[in-house]
Amino acid sequence: MEFIRDDMLFKPYETMGGWQCIMNTKRGKISVRYGSPGLFVTVEYPYEVWYPTDDAPIGNQSAENIWDYIKNIK
């Protein structure tokens, strides 16, 4: 089962439950997790994201944060 949320395609995340979206960018892959237990998220910022330029995932991300990051890739 897959679904689209905020223009991102989420698939089941087998490792921790919940959902994951992988997006390929010029800088590398972005991993967006949603709905997994233990994520650092809030209702307003529902995603935990591992950006290719970071050493670890960042919690409390919104779709706007993710799409702004992608738009600003040079």
N, C-alpha and C. Protein backbone atom coordinates (compact mmCIF):
# COMPACT_ATOMS: atom_id res chain seq x y z
N MET A 1 0.83 -1.18 0.00
CA MET A 1 0.00 0.00 0.00
C MET A 1 0.87 1.24 0.00
N GLU A 2 0.54 2.21 -0.82
CA GLU A 2 1.24 3.48 -0.93
C GLU A 2 0.22 4.60 -0.84
N PHE A 3 0.69 5.79 -0.49
CA PHE A 3 -0.19 6.94 -0.54
C PHE A 3 0.62 8.20 -0.78
N ILE A 4 -0.05 9.24 -1.25
CA ILE A 4 0.59 10.53 -1.49
C ILE A 4 0.10 11.51 -0.44
N ARG A 5 1.06 12.20 0.15
CA ARG A 5 0.75 13.24 1.13
C ARG A 5 1.71 14.39 0.87
N ASP A 6 1.19 15.60 0.77
CA ASP A 6 2.03 16.78 0.51
C ASP A 6 2.91 16.59 -0.73
N ASP A 7 2.35 15.97 -1.75
CA ASP A 7 3.05 15.71 -3.03
C ASP A 7 4.24 14.77 -2.88
N MET A 8 4.25 13.94 -1.85
CA MET A 8 5.32 12.95 -1.66
C MET A 8 4.68 11.56 -1.63
N LEU A 9 5.32 10.59 -2.28
CA LEU A 9 4.83 9.21 -2.33
C LEU A 9 5.42 8.42 -1.17
N PHE A 10 4.57 7.98 -0.26
CA PHE A 10 5.00 7.22 0.91
C PHE A 10 4.71 5.74 0.72
N LYS A 11 5.67 4.93 1.14
CA LYS A 11 5.55 3.48 1.12
C LYS A 11 5.78 2.96 2.54
N PRO A 12 5.32 1.76 2.85
CA PRO A 12 5.54 1.23 4.21
C PRO A 12 7.03 1.20 4.55
N TYR A 13 7.35 1.59 5.78
CA TYR A 13 8.72 1.57 6.28
C TYR A 13 8.86 0.36 7.18
N GLU A 14 9.45 -0.68 6.64
CA GLU A 14 9.51 -1.98 7.31
C GLU A 14 10.31 -1.97 8.61
N THR A 15 11.37 -1.19 8.67
CA THR A 15 12.27 -1.22 9.81
C THR A 15 11.61 -0.78 11.11
N MET A 16 10.88 0.34 11.06
CA MET A 16 10.32 0.89 12.30
C MET A 16 8.81 1.08 12.23
N GLY A 17 8.18 0.60 11.20
CA GLY A 17 6.76 0.87 11.02
C GLY A 17 6.58 2.27 10.47
N GLY A 18 5.36 2.64 10.22
CA GLY A 18 5.11 3.95 9.65
C GLY A 18 5.37 3.96 8.15
N TRP A 19 5.77 5.12 7.65
CA TRP A 19 5.88 5.34 6.21
C TRP A 19 7.16 6.08 5.87
N GLN A 20 7.65 5.86 4.64
CA GLN A 20 8.87 6.52 4.18
C GLN A 20 8.73 6.94 2.73
N CYS A 21 9.26 8.12 2.43
CA CYS A 21 9.35 8.62 1.07
C CYS A 21 10.82 8.86 0.78
N ILE A 22 11.31 8.31 -0.32
CA ILE A 22 12.69 8.54 -0.75
C ILE A 22 12.62 9.42 -2.00
N MET A 23 13.32 10.54 -1.98
CA MET A 23 13.37 11.45 -3.13
C MET A 23 14.81 11.62 -3.58
N ASN A 24 15.05 11.45 -4.85
CA ASN A 24 16.39 11.65 -5.40
C ASN A 24 16.56 13.12 -5.79
N THR A 25 17.67 13.71 -5.38
CA THR A 25 18.00 15.09 -5.72
C THR A 25 19.42 15.14 -6.27
N LYS A 26 19.83 16.30 -6.73
CA LYS A 26 21.20 16.48 -7.23
C LYS A 26 22.23 16.21 -6.14
N ARG A 27 21.87 16.45 -4.88
CA ARG A 27 22.81 16.25 -3.77
C ARG A 27 22.77 14.85 -3.20
N GLY A 28 21.78 14.06 -3.59
CA GLY A 28 21.63 12.71 -3.05
C GLY A 28 20.19 12.47 -2.64
N LYS A 29 19.98 11.39 -1.92
CA LYS A 29 18.63 10.99 -1.54
C LYS A 29 18.17 11.68 -0.26
N ILE A 30 16.90 12.06 -0.26
CA ILE A 30 16.25 12.58 0.94
C ILE A 30 15.31 11.49 1.42
N SER A 31 15.41 11.15 2.70
CA SER A 31 14.52 10.17 3.31
C SER A 31 13.57 10.90 4.24
N VAL A 32 12.28 10.79 3.94
CA VAL A 32 11.24 11.44 4.75
C VAL A 32 10.45 10.34 5.45
N ARG A 33 10.39 10.38 6.78
CA ARG A 33 9.62 9.39 7.53
C ARG A 33 8.43 10.05 8.18
N TYR A 34 7.35 9.25 8.25
CA TYR A 34 6.08 9.76 8.76
C TYR A 34 5.34 8.63 9.47
N GLY A 35 4.80 8.92 10.64
CA GLY A 35 3.94 7.97 11.32
C GLY A 35 4.63 6.82 12.04
N SER A 36 5.94 6.85 12.14
CA SER A 36 6.66 5.80 12.87
C SER A 36 6.72 6.14 14.34
N PRO A 37 6.64 5.14 15.22
CA PRO A 37 6.80 5.42 16.65
C PRO A 37 8.20 5.96 16.92
N GLY A 38 8.31 6.90 17.83
CA GLY A 38 9.62 7.40 18.24
C GLY A 38 10.18 8.53 17.39
N LEU A 39 9.47 8.98 16.36
CA LEU A 39 9.96 10.09 15.57
C LEU A 39 9.81 11.39 16.36
N PHE A 40 10.70 12.33 16.12
CA PHE A 40 10.62 13.64 16.76
C PHE A 40 9.79 14.55 15.85
N VAL A 41 8.48 14.56 16.09
CA VAL A 41 7.55 15.31 15.25
C VAL A 41 6.44 15.92 16.09
N THR A 42 5.71 16.85 15.48
CA THR A 42 4.52 17.43 16.09
C THR A 42 3.42 17.43 15.02
N VAL A 43 2.23 17.84 15.40
CA VAL A 43 1.14 17.90 14.44
C VAL A 43 1.46 18.88 13.31
N GLU A 44 2.04 20.02 13.67
CA GLU A 44 2.37 21.04 12.66
C GLU A 44 3.59 20.65 11.82
N TYR A 45 4.48 19.85 12.38
CA TYR A 45 5.72 19.43 11.71
C TYR A 45 5.80 17.91 11.78
N PRO A 46 5.09 17.22 10.88
CA PRO A 46 4.88 15.78 11.02
C PRO A 46 5.97 14.87 10.46
N TYR A 47 7.05 15.45 9.94
CA TYR A 47 8.04 14.63 9.27
C TYR A 47 9.40 14.66 9.96
N GLU A 48 10.08 13.52 9.92
CA GLU A 48 11.49 13.44 10.29
C GLU A 48 12.24 13.18 8.99
N VAL A 49 13.24 14.00 8.71
CA VAL A 49 13.88 13.98 7.39
C VAL A 49 15.38 13.80 7.54
N TRP A 50 15.94 12.95 6.67
CA TRP A 50 17.39 12.82 6.57
C TRP A 50 17.78 13.42 5.23
N TYR A 51 18.32 14.64 5.32
CA TYR A 51 18.79 15.34 4.13
C TYR A 51 20.18 14.83 3.77
N PRO A 52 20.52 14.79 2.49
CA PRO A 52 21.82 14.22 2.10
C PRO A 52 23.02 15.02 2.60
N THR A 53 22.82 16.25 3.01
CA THR A 53 23.92 17.08 3.50
C THR A 53 24.09 17.01 5.02
N ASP A 54 23.23 16.23 5.69
CA ASP A 54 23.29 16.13 7.16
C ASP A 54 23.80 14.76 7.60
N ASP A 55 24.33 14.71 8.81
CA ASP A 55 24.87 13.47 9.36
C ASP A 55 23.83 12.62 10.07
N ALA A 56 22.66 13.20 10.33
CA ALA A 56 21.60 12.49 11.06
C ALA A 56 20.25 13.08 10.66
N PRO A 57 19.18 12.34 10.91
CA PRO A 57 17.84 12.87 10.60
C PRO A 57 17.50 14.09 11.46
N ILE A 58 16.65 14.93 10.92
CA ILE A 58 16.17 16.12 11.62
C ILE A 58 14.67 15.98 11.80
N GLY A 59 14.21 16.12 13.02
CA GLY A 59 12.78 16.03 13.31
C GLY A 59 12.08 17.36 13.11
N ASN A 60 10.77 17.33 13.34
CA ASN A 60 9.94 18.52 13.28
C ASN A 60 10.10 19.29 11.96
N GLN A 61 9.94 18.58 10.87
CA GLN A 61 10.00 19.19 9.55
C GLN A 61 8.60 19.23 8.94
N SER A 62 8.32 20.27 8.18
CA SER A 62 7.06 20.39 7.47
C SER A 62 7.31 20.11 5.99
N ALA A 63 6.25 19.93 5.24
CA ALA A 63 6.39 19.76 3.79
C ALA A 63 7.06 21.00 3.20
N GLU A 64 6.74 22.16 3.73
CA GLU A 64 7.35 23.41 3.24
C GLU A 64 8.86 23.38 3.46
N ASN A 65 9.32 22.90 4.62
CA ASN A 65 10.76 22.79 4.87
C ASN A 65 11.43 21.91 3.82
N ILE A 66 10.80 20.78 3.53
CA ILE A 66 11.37 19.80 2.59
C ILE A 66 11.43 20.38 1.19
N TRP A 67 10.31 20.93 0.72
CA TRP A 67 10.27 21.48 -0.65
C TRP A 67 11.17 22.71 -0.78
N ASP A 68 11.31 23.53 0.26
CA ASP A 68 12.24 24.66 0.21
C ASP A 68 13.68 24.17 0.07
N TYR A 69 14.02 23.11 0.79
CA TYR A 69 15.37 22.54 0.68
C TYR A 69 15.62 22.12 -0.77
N ILE A 70 14.66 21.41 -1.35
CA ILE A 70 14.83 20.93 -2.74
C ILE A 70 14.93 22.09 -3.71
N LYS A 71 14.10 23.11 -3.55
CA LYS A 71 14.12 24.28 -4.45
C LYS A 71 15.45 25.01 -4.38
N ASN A 72 16.10 24.99 -3.23
CA ASN A 72 17.34 25.75 -3.06
C ASN A 72 18.61 24.96 -3.40
N ILE A 73 18.47 23.75 -3.89
CA ILE A 73 19.64 22.97 -4.31
C ILE A 73 20.22 23.61 -5.56
N LYS A 74 21.49 23.84 -5.53
CA LYS A 74 22.17 24.45 -6.69
C LYS A 74 23.07 23.46 -7.37
